[in-house]
Amino acid sequence: MKESATETGTGPGTALTVDELAARAGVTVRTIRFYGTRGLLPPPEIGPRRVGRYGPDHLSRLALIEELQHQGMTLSAIERYLQQLPPDLSAQDLALHRALVASWIPDKAEDTTREQLERRVGRELAEDDLDRLAAMSVLVRTDDPDVFQVDPGLLHLGVRLLDVPIALETILAARTVVREHSRSAARELSRLFKDEVWEPYREGGPDAEDVARIKSLSAHMQPMVVQALVTAFQRSMKEELREAFGEG
């Protein structure tokens, strides 16, 4: 019989020991304790026998810290950054925030064996699970059936979705819809940026300083564009659901 999400340690009620949290996050126990003393991680809930228990929000916060470090931020800067976030952010909110931070970092994937992958997510993965993760672009199969290229940023979100009763065909159809419309939006936004920002510089013949200024403007605009797209999508989805199913 298939274990429940809670039993496998992937559901919303997950309670992890510090060793389990370290294994899932790919860090050491010492790092977790250090982050706790710096205030980067909230304290765990204390369970029976005074054992600290961690949840999905801790895992998502560790992923966000890792992404901020990839951006080159120091621990002091990360501490200030996290202090500005609302204290009641859920694991999903933190995952979305991390996605926004990482939106313009070059794609990265890690070669991971099946054993490493299962240890990282804390559960056995059937072939159907691997197919669903591949459909969600969480991993890519290689010539070696026991080695995968894994996107660490999507991994834990993808594993949580394994327990959502959605058919593989539905996941593939949804991915196609998202890709098509995302590409269309990116194309129109790129055209707008080119026509309204880049062309005026080209008319006068841009020098090295102009090019550097354009690159800086683009880098600052990109996160704001992602945030605008996410916000617009959330509002549109609410409106569509309201029309389809009513206020209830």
C-alpha atoms as a PDB file:
ATOM      1  CA  MET A   1       0.000   0.000   0.000  1.00  0.00           C
ATOM      2  CA  LYS A   2       1.274   3.459  -0.899  1.00  0.00           C
ATOM      3  CA  GLU A   3       2.277   5.576   2.075  1.00  0.00           C
ATOM      4  CA  SER A   4       0.494   8.836   2.748  1.00  0.00           C
ATOM      5  CA  ALA A   5       2.214  12.157   2.191  1.00  0.00           C
ATOM      6  CA  THR A   6       2.705  12.638   5.909  1.00  0.00           C
ATOM      7  CA  GLU A   7       4.195   9.177   6.344  1.00  0.00           C
ATOM      8  CA  THR A   8       6.697   9.767   3.564  1.00  0.00           C
ATOM      9  CA  GLY A   9       7.617  13.199   4.867  1.00  0.00           C
ATOM     10  CA  THR A  10       6.369  15.238   1.926  1.00  0.00           C
ATOM     11  CA  GLY A  11       2.949  16.497   2.995  1.00  0.00           C
ATOM     12  CA  PRO A  12       1.898  19.713   4.684  1.00  0.00           C
ATOM     13  CA  GLY A  13       2.091  18.103   8.117  1.00  0.00           C
ATOM     14  CA  THR A  14       5.717  17.059   7.690  1.00  0.00           C
ATOM     15  CA  ALA A  15       7.790  16.993  10.881  1.00  0.00           C
ATOM     16  CA  LEU A  16      11.508  16.534  10.288  1.00  0.00           C
ATOM     17  CA  THR A  17      14.369  16.074  12.692  1.00  0.00           C
ATOM     18  CA  VAL A  18      17.379  18.308  12.187  1.00  0.00           C
ATOM     19  CA  ASP A  19      19.231  15.419  10.519  1.00  0.00           C
ATOM     20  CA  GLU A  20      16.336  14.808   8.117  1.00  0.00           C
ATOM     21  CA  LEU A  21      16.078  18.522   7.330  1.00  0.00           C
ATOM     22  CA  ALA A  22      19.805  18.670   6.596  1.00  0.00           C
ATOM     23  CA  ALA A  23      19.539  15.677   4.250  1.00  0.00           C
ATOM     24  CA  ARG A  24      16.573  17.169   2.364  1.00  0.00           C
ATOM     25  CA  ALA A  25      18.186  20.602   2.058  1.00  0.00           C
ATOM     26  CA  GLY A  26      21.618  19.294   1.137  1.00  0.00           C
ATOM     27  CA  VAL A  27      23.374  21.126   3.974  1.00  0.00           C
ATOM     28  CA  THR A  28      25.013  20.059   7.219  1.00  0.00           C
ATOM     29  CA  VAL A  29      23.371  19.984  10.641  1.00  0.00           C
ATOM     30  CA  ARG A  30      26.005  22.466  11.765  1.00  0.00           C
ATOM     31  CA  THR A  31      24.869  24.887   9.053  1.00  0.00           C
ATOM     32  CA  ILE A  32      21.250  24.627  10.171  1.00  0.00           C
ATOM     33  CA  ARG A  33      22.165  25.315  13.797  1.00  0.00           C
ATOM     34  CA  PHE A  34      24.344  28.238  12.709  1.00  0.00           C
ATOM     35  CA  TYR A  35      21.518  29.728  10.649  1.00  0.00           C
ATOM     36  CA  GLY A  36      19.265  29.351  13.687  1.00  0.00           C
ATOM     37  CA  THR A  37      21.640  31.321  15.896  1.00  0.00           C
ATOM     38  CA  ARG A  38      21.813  34.082  13.256  1.00  0.00           C
ATOM     39  CA  GLY A  39      18.031  34.281  13.044  1.00  0.00           C
ATOM     40  CA  LEU A  40      17.961  33.115   9.430  1.00  0.00           C
ATOM     41  CA  LEU A  41      15.804  30.126  10.381  1.00  0.00           C
ATOM     42  CA  PRO A  42      12.897  30.204  12.842  1.00  0.00           C
ATOM     43  CA  PRO A  43      13.230  27.819  15.792  1.00  0.00           C
ATOM     44  CA  PRO A  44      11.755  24.335  15.425  1.00  0.00           C
ATOM     45  CA  GLU A  45       8.687  23.141  17.244  1.00  0.00           C
ATOM     46  CA  ILE A  46       9.636  21.136  20.308  1.00  0.00           C
ATOM     47  CA  GLY A  47       8.004  17.716  20.302  1.00  0.00           C
ATOM     48  CA  PRO A  48       8.077  14.739  22.625  1.00  0.00           C
ATOM     49  CA  ARG A  49      11.336  14.132  24.484  1.00  0.00           C
ATOM     50  CA  ARG A  50      12.359  17.718  23.677  1.00  0.00           C
ATOM     51  CA  VAL A  51      13.172  16.817  20.054  1.00  0.00           C
ATOM     52  CA  GLY A  52      13.020  19.747  17.654  1.00  0.00           C
ATOM     53  CA  ARG A  53      10.767  19.275  14.629  1.00  0.00           C
ATOM     54  CA  TYR A  54      11.076  21.219  11.389  1.00  0.00           C
ATOM     55  CA  GLY A  55       8.509  21.694   8.620  1.00  0.00           C
ATOM     56  CA  PRO A  56       8.192  22.619   4.923  1.00  0.00           C
ATOM     57  CA  ASP A  57       8.655  26.319   5.721  1.00  0.00           C
ATOM     58  CA  HIS A  58      12.143  25.609   7.083  1.00  0.00           C
ATOM     59  CA  LEU A  59      12.994  23.665   3.930  1.00  0.00           C
ATOM     60  CA  SER A  60      11.737  26.467   1.683  1.00  0.00           C
ATOM     61  CA  ARG A  61      13.615  29.072   3.709  1.00  0.00           C
ATOM     62  CA  LEU A  62      16.860  27.096   3.369  1.00  0.00           C
ATOM     63  CA  ALA A  63      16.329  26.968  -0.408  1.00  0.00           C
ATOM     64  CA  LEU A  64      15.803  30.738  -0.461  1.00  0.00           C
ATOM     65  CA  ILE A  65      18.972  31.312   1.587  1.00  0.00           C
ATOM     66  CA  GLU A  66      20.910  29.127  -0.847  1.00  0.00           C
ATOM     67  CA  GLU A  67      19.575  31.134  -3.802  1.00  0.00           C
ATOM     68  CA  LEU A  68      20.493  34.432  -2.187  1.00  0.00           C
ATOM     69  CA  GLN A  69      24.008  33.102  -1.603  1.00  0.00           C
ATOM     70  CA  HIS A  70      24.210  32.201  -5.305  1.00  0.00           C
ATOM     71  CA  GLN A  71      23.388  35.851  -5.981  1.00  0.00           C
ATOM     72  CA  GLY A  72      26.537  36.771  -4.058  1.00  0.00           C
ATOM     73  CA  MET A  73      24.867  38.130  -0.922  1.00  0.00           C
ATOM     74  CA  THR A  74      26.697  37.896   2.389  1.00  0.00           C
ATOM     75  CA  LEU A  75      25.048  36.358   5.449  1.00  0.00           C
ATOM     76  CA  SER A  76      24.566  39.818   6.935  1.00  0.00           C
ATOM     77  CA  ALA A  77      22.829  40.985   3.762  1.00  0.00           C
ATOM     78  CA  ILE A  78      20.691  37.824   3.702  1.00  0.00           C
ATOM     79  CA  GLU A  79      19.754  38.411   7.327  1.00  0.00           C
ATOM     80  CA  ARG A  80      18.569  41.942   6.507  1.00  0.00           C
ATOM     81  CA  TYR A  81      16.750  40.645   3.438  1.00  0.00           C
ATOM     82  CA  LEU A  82      14.855  37.978   5.372  1.00  0.00           C
ATOM     83  CA  GLN A  83      13.939  40.427   8.124  1.00  0.00           C
ATOM     84  CA  GLN A  84      11.979  42.429   5.561  1.00  0.00           C
ATOM     85  CA  LEU A  85       9.768  39.469   4.664  1.00  0.00           C
ATOM     86  CA  PRO A  86       6.404  38.985   6.427  1.00  0.00           C
ATOM     87  CA  PRO A  87       6.887  36.597   9.365  1.00  0.00           C
ATOM     88  CA  ASP A  88       3.898  34.410   8.446  1.00  0.00           C
ATOM     89  CA  LEU A  89       4.993  33.405   4.932  1.00  0.00           C
ATOM     90  CA  SER A  90       4.022  29.829   4.101  1.00  0.00           C
ATOM     91  CA  ALA A  91       6.303  27.279   2.457  1.00  0.00           C
ATOM     92  CA  GLN A  92       4.531  27.984  -0.848  1.00  0.00           C
ATOM     93  CA  ASP A  93       5.071  31.738  -0.444  1.00  0.00           C
ATOM     94  CA  LEU A  94       8.765  31.189   0.243  1.00  0.00           C
ATOM     95  CA  ALA A  95       9.062  28.869  -2.761  1.00  0.00           C
ATOM     96  CA  LEU A  96       7.474  31.519  -4.982  1.00  0.00           C
ATOM     97  CA  HIS A  97       9.757  34.182  -3.542  1.00  0.00           C
ATOM     98  CA  ARG A  98      12.778  32.005  -4.267  1.00  0.00           C
ATOM     99  CA  ALA A  99      11.557  31.505  -7.825  1.00  0.00           C
ATOM    100  CA  LEU A 100      11.382  35.269  -8.290  1.00  0.00           C
ATOM    101  CA  VAL A 101      14.894  35.696  -6.893  1.00  0.00           C
ATOM    102  CA  ALA A 102      16.249  32.965  -9.165  1.00  0.00           C
ATOM    103  CA  SER A 103      14.257  33.922 -12.259  1.00  0.00           C
ATOM    104  CA  TRP A 104      17.213  35.345 -14.147  1.00  0.00           C
ATOM    105  CA  ILE A 105      19.956  33.054 -12.942  1.00  0.00           C
ATOM    106  CA  PRO A 106      21.187  30.767 -15.759  1.00  0.00           C
ATOM    107  CA  ASP A 107      19.517  27.352 -15.737  1.00  0.00           C
ATOM    108  CA  LYS A 108      21.439  24.869 -13.657  1.00  0.00           C
ATOM    109  CA  ALA A 109      20.991  21.156 -13.206  1.00  0.00           C
ATOM    110  CA  GLU A 110      22.846  18.661 -11.066  1.00  0.00           C
ATOM    111  CA  ASP A 111      23.684  15.099 -12.060  1.00  0.00           C
ATOM    112  CA  THR A 112      22.057  12.989  -9.357  1.00  0.00           C
ATOM    113  CA  THR A 113      21.831   9.240  -8.905  1.00  0.00           C
ATOM    114  CA  ARG A 114      18.529   7.628  -8.042  1.00  0.00           C
ATOM    115  CA  GLU A 115      19.828   6.790  -4.577  1.00  0.00           C
ATOM    116  CA  GLN A 116      20.904  10.394  -3.972  1.00  0.00           C
ATOM    117  CA  LEU A 117      17.586  11.662  -5.299  1.00  0.00           C
ATOM    118  CA  GLU A 118      15.529   9.427  -3.018  1.00  0.00           C
ATOM    119  CA  ARG A 119      17.677  10.338  -0.032  1.00  0.00           C
ATOM    120  CA  ARG A 120      17.251  14.013  -0.846  1.00  0.00           C
ATOM    121  CA  VAL A 121      13.440  13.837  -1.032  1.00  0.00           C
ATOM    122  CA  GLY A 122      13.037  11.295   1.770  1.00  0.00           C
ATOM    123  CA  ARG A 123      10.974   8.720  -0.124  1.00  0.00           C
ATOM    124  CA  GLU A 124      11.209   5.971  -2.698  1.00  0.00           C
ATOM    125  CA  LEU A 125      10.369   7.030  -6.234  1.00  0.00           C
ATOM    126  CA  ALA A 126       8.519   4.686  -8.566  1.00  0.00           C
ATOM    127  CA  GLU A 127       8.893   4.907 -12.339  1.00  0.00           C
ATOM    128  CA  ASP A 128       5.553   6.720 -12.496  1.00  0.00           C
ATOM    129  CA  ASP A 129       6.872   9.284 -10.005  1.00  0.00           C
ATOM    130  CA  LEU A 130       9.946   9.850 -12.162  1.00  0.00           C
ATOM    131  CA  ASP A 131       7.762  10.270 -15.254  1.00  0.00           C
ATOM    132  CA  ARG A 132       5.689  12.919 -13.465  1.00  0.00           C
ATOM    133  CA  LEU A 133       8.785  14.757 -12.248  1.00  0.00           C
ATOM    134  CA  ALA A 134      10.145  14.720 -15.794  1.00  0.00           C
ATOM    135  CA  ALA A 135       6.824  16.079 -17.084  1.00  0.00           C
ATOM    136  CA  MET A 136       7.130  18.955 -14.599  1.00  0.00           C
ATOM    137  CA  SER A 137      10.704  19.649 -15.805  1.00  0.00           C
ATOM    138  CA  VAL A 138      12.054  18.811 -12.352  1.00  0.00           C
ATOM    139  CA  LEU A 139      14.427  16.237 -13.816  1.00  0.00           C
ATOM    140  CA  VAL A 140      15.711  14.994 -17.144  1.00  0.00           C
ATOM    141  CA  ARG A 141      16.575  11.371 -17.767  1.00  0.00           C
ATOM    142  CA  THR A 142      20.080  10.551 -19.027  1.00  0.00           C
ATOM    143  CA  ASP A 143      21.484   7.572 -20.929  1.00  0.00           C
ATOM    144  CA  ASP A 144      22.089   5.949 -17.550  1.00  0.00           C
ATOM    145  CA  PRO A 145      18.660   4.918 -16.155  1.00  0.00           C
ATOM    146  CA  ASP A 146      19.872   5.533 -12.606  1.00  0.00           C
ATOM    147  CA  VAL A 147      21.263   9.044 -13.210  1.00  0.00           C
ATOM    148  CA  PHE A 148      19.167  12.170 -13.710  1.00  0.00           C
ATOM    149  CA  GLN A 149      19.775  15.855 -14.276  1.00  0.00           C
ATOM    150  CA  VAL A 150      17.825  17.485 -11.461  1.00  0.00           C
ATOM    151  CA  ASP A 151      16.765  21.105 -11.005  1.00  0.00           C
ATOM    152  CA  PRO A 152      17.278  21.571  -7.245  1.00  0.00           C
ATOM    153  CA  GLY A 153      15.075  24.640  -7.182  1.00  0.00           C
ATOM    154  CA  LEU A 154      12.028  22.719  -8.422  1.00  0.00           C
ATOM    155  CA  LEU A 155      12.735  19.418  -6.712  1.00  0.00           C
ATOM    156  CA  HIS A 156      10.828  19.761  -3.439  1.00  0.00           C
ATOM    157  CA  LEU A 157       7.859  21.505  -5.031  1.00  0.00           C
ATOM    158  CA  GLY A 158       7.670  18.759  -7.651  1.00  0.00           C
ATOM    159  CA  VAL A 159       7.809  16.008  -5.046  1.00  0.00           C
ATOM    160  CA  ARG A 160       4.977  17.612  -3.091  1.00  0.00           C
ATOM    161  CA  LEU A 161       2.895  17.630  -6.271  1.00  0.00           C
ATOM    162  CA  LEU A 162       3.368  13.881  -6.657  1.00  0.00           C
ATOM    163  CA  ASP A 163       0.644  13.351  -4.058  1.00  0.00           C
ATOM    164  CA  VAL A 164      -1.805  15.662  -5.830  1.00  0.00           C
ATOM    165  CA  PRO A 165      -4.292  13.527  -7.807  1.00  0.00           C
ATOM    166  CA  ILE A 166      -3.521  14.937 -11.270  1.00  0.00           C
ATOM    167  CA  ALA A 167      -3.025  12.672 -14.276  1.00  0.00           C
ATOM    168  CA  LEU A 168       0.287  12.761 -16.121  1.00  0.00           C
ATOM    169  CA  GLU A 169      -1.527  13.808 -19.295  1.00  0.00           C
ATOM    170  CA  THR A 170      -2.981  16.809 -17.449  1.00  0.00           C
ATOM    171  CA  ILE A 171       0.475  17.844 -16.230  1.00  0.00           C
ATOM    172  CA  LEU A 172       1.845  17.640 -19.786  1.00  0.00           C
ATOM    173  CA  ALA A 173      -1.088  19.653 -21.156  1.00  0.00           C
ATOM    174  CA  ALA A 174      -0.664  22.295 -18.437  1.00  0.00           C
ATOM    175  CA  ARG A 175       3.060  22.566 -19.150  1.00  0.00           C
ATOM    176  CA  THR A 176       2.330  23.113 -22.848  1.00  0.00           C
ATOM    177  CA  VAL A 177      -0.160  25.885 -22.045  1.00  0.00           C
ATOM    178  CA  VAL A 178       2.258  27.623 -19.670  1.00  0.00           C
ATOM    179  CA  ARG A 179       5.181  27.397 -22.085  1.00  0.00           C
ATOM    180  CA  GLU A 180       3.229  28.703 -25.058  1.00  0.00           C
ATOM    181  CA  HIS A 181       1.748  31.680 -23.242  1.00  0.00           C
ATOM    182  CA  SER A 182       4.967  32.453 -21.360  1.00  0.00           C
ATOM    183  CA  ARG A 183       6.905  32.493 -24.634  1.00  0.00           C
ATOM    184  CA  SER A 184       4.282  34.761 -26.200  1.00  0.00           C
ATOM    185  CA  ALA A 185       4.483  37.207 -23.266  1.00  0.00           C
ATOM    186  CA  ALA A 186       8.294  37.150 -23.334  1.00  0.00           C
ATOM    187  CA  ARG A 187       8.299  37.830 -27.072  1.00  0.00           C
ATOM    188  CA  GLU A 188       5.979  40.847 -26.757  1.00  0.00           C
ATOM    189  CA  LEU A 189       7.863  42.262 -23.769  1.00  0.00           C
ATOM    190  CA  SER A 190      11.192  41.856 -25.586  1.00  0.00           C
ATOM    191  CA  ARG A 191       9.761  43.629 -28.626  1.00  0.00           C
ATOM    192  CA  LEU A 192       8.507  46.469 -26.418  1.00  0.00           C
ATOM    193  CA  PHE A 193      11.894  46.789 -24.700  1.00  0.00           C
ATOM    194  CA  LYS A 194      13.681  46.801 -28.043  1.00  0.00           C
ATOM    195  CA  ASP A 195      11.378  49.387 -29.663  1.00  0.00           C
ATOM    196  CA  GLU A 196      11.018  51.757 -26.706  1.00  0.00           C
ATOM    197  CA  VAL A 197      14.390  51.470 -24.951  1.00  0.00           C
ATOM    198  CA  TRP A 198      17.049  50.030 -27.209  1.00  0.00           C
ATOM    199  CA  GLU A 199      16.193  51.704 -30.542  1.00  0.00           C
ATOM    200  CA  PRO A 200      16.533  55.288 -29.239  1.00  0.00           C
ATOM    201  CA  TYR A 201      20.089  54.475 -28.166  1.00  0.00           C
ATOM    202  CA  ARG A 202      20.878  52.866 -31.521  1.00  0.00           C
ATOM    203  CA  GLU A 203      19.804  55.966 -33.433  1.00  0.00           C
ATOM    204  CA  GLY A 204      22.606  57.960 -31.882  1.00  0.00           C
ATOM    205  CA  GLY A 205      25.087  55.106 -32.012  1.00  0.00           C
ATOM    206  CA  PRO A 206      25.419  53.640 -28.479  1.00  0.00           C
ATOM    207  CA  ASP A 207      28.831  53.793 -26.874  1.00  0.00           C
ATOM    208  CA  ALA A 208      30.190  51.431 -24.204  1.00  0.00           C
ATOM    209  CA  GLU A 209      28.590  53.490 -21.437  1.00  0.00           C
ATOM    210  CA  ASP A 210      25.183  53.299 -23.137  1.00  0.00           C
ATOM    211  CA  VAL A 211      25.472  49.530 -23.495  1.00  0.00           C
ATOM    212  CA  ALA A 212      26.381  49.166 -19.810  1.00  0.00           C
ATOM    213  CA  ARG A 213      23.413  51.374 -18.867  1.00  0.00           C
ATOM    214  CA  ILE A 214      21.048  49.251 -20.988  1.00  0.00           C
ATOM    215  CA  LYS A 215      22.318  46.035 -19.376  1.00  0.00           C
ATOM    216  CA  SER A 216      21.852  47.516 -15.913  1.00  0.00           C
ATOM    217  CA  LEU A 217      18.329  48.653 -16.761  1.00  0.00           C
ATOM    218  CA  SER A 218      17.483  45.210 -18.109  1.00  0.00           C
ATOM    219  CA  ALA A 219      18.812  43.491 -14.986  1.00  0.00           C
ATOM    220  CA  HIS A 220      16.692  45.739 -12.746  1.00  0.00           C
ATOM    221  CA  MET A 221      13.589  45.375 -14.887  1.00  0.00           C
ATOM    222  CA  GLN A 222      13.595  41.601 -15.118  1.00  0.00           C
ATOM    223  CA  PRO A 223      12.611  40.788 -11.498  1.00  0.00           C
ATOM    224  CA  MET A 224       9.870  43.431 -11.648  1.00  0.00           C
ATOM    225  CA  VAL A 225       8.520  41.923 -14.870  1.00  0.00           C
ATOM    226  CA  VAL A 226       8.431  38.463 -13.267  1.00  0.00           C
ATOM    227  CA  GLN A 227       6.603  39.831 -10.217  1.00  0.00           C
ATOM    228  CA  ALA A 228       4.111  41.610 -12.482  1.00  0.00           C
ATOM    229  CA  LEU A 229       3.490  38.420 -14.467  1.00  0.00           C
ATOM    230  CA  VAL A 230       2.975  36.350 -11.312  1.00  0.00           C
ATOM    231  CA  THR A 231       0.587  38.914  -9.828  1.00  0.00           C
ATOM    232  CA  ALA A 232      -1.386  39.219 -13.065  1.00  0.00           C
ATOM    233  CA  PHE A 233      -1.625  35.445 -13.372  1.00  0.00           C
ATOM    234  CA  GLN A 234      -2.844  35.032  -9.792  1.00  0.00           C
ATOM    235  CA  ARG A 235      -5.576  37.623 -10.311  1.00  0.00           C
ATOM    236  CA  SER A 236      -6.600  36.137 -13.654  1.00  0.00           C
ATOM    237  CA  MET A 237      -6.744  32.646 -12.170  1.00  0.00           C
ATOM    238  CA  LYS A 238      -8.975  33.848  -9.323  1.00  0.00           C
ATOM    239  CA  GLU A 239     -11.310  35.497 -11.821  1.00  0.00           C
ATOM    240  CA  GLU A 240     -11.461  32.373 -13.996  1.00  0.00           C
ATOM    241  CA  LEU A 241     -12.164  30.115 -11.005  1.00  0.00           C
ATOM    242  CA  ARG A 242     -14.818  32.515  -9.747  1.00  0.00           C
ATOM    243  CA  GLU A 243     -16.564  32.468 -13.127  1.00  0.00           C
ATOM    244  CA  ALA A 244     -16.299  28.699 -13.427  1.00  0.00           C
ATOM    245  CA  PHE A 245     -17.278  27.668  -9.902  1.00  0.00           C
ATOM    246  CA  GLY A 246     -18.844  30.748  -8.316  1.00  0.00           C
ATOM    247  CA  GLU A 247     -17.862  32.600  -5.168  1.00  0.00           C
ATOM    248  CA  GLY A 248     -17.930  29.400  -3.091  1.00  0.00           C
END
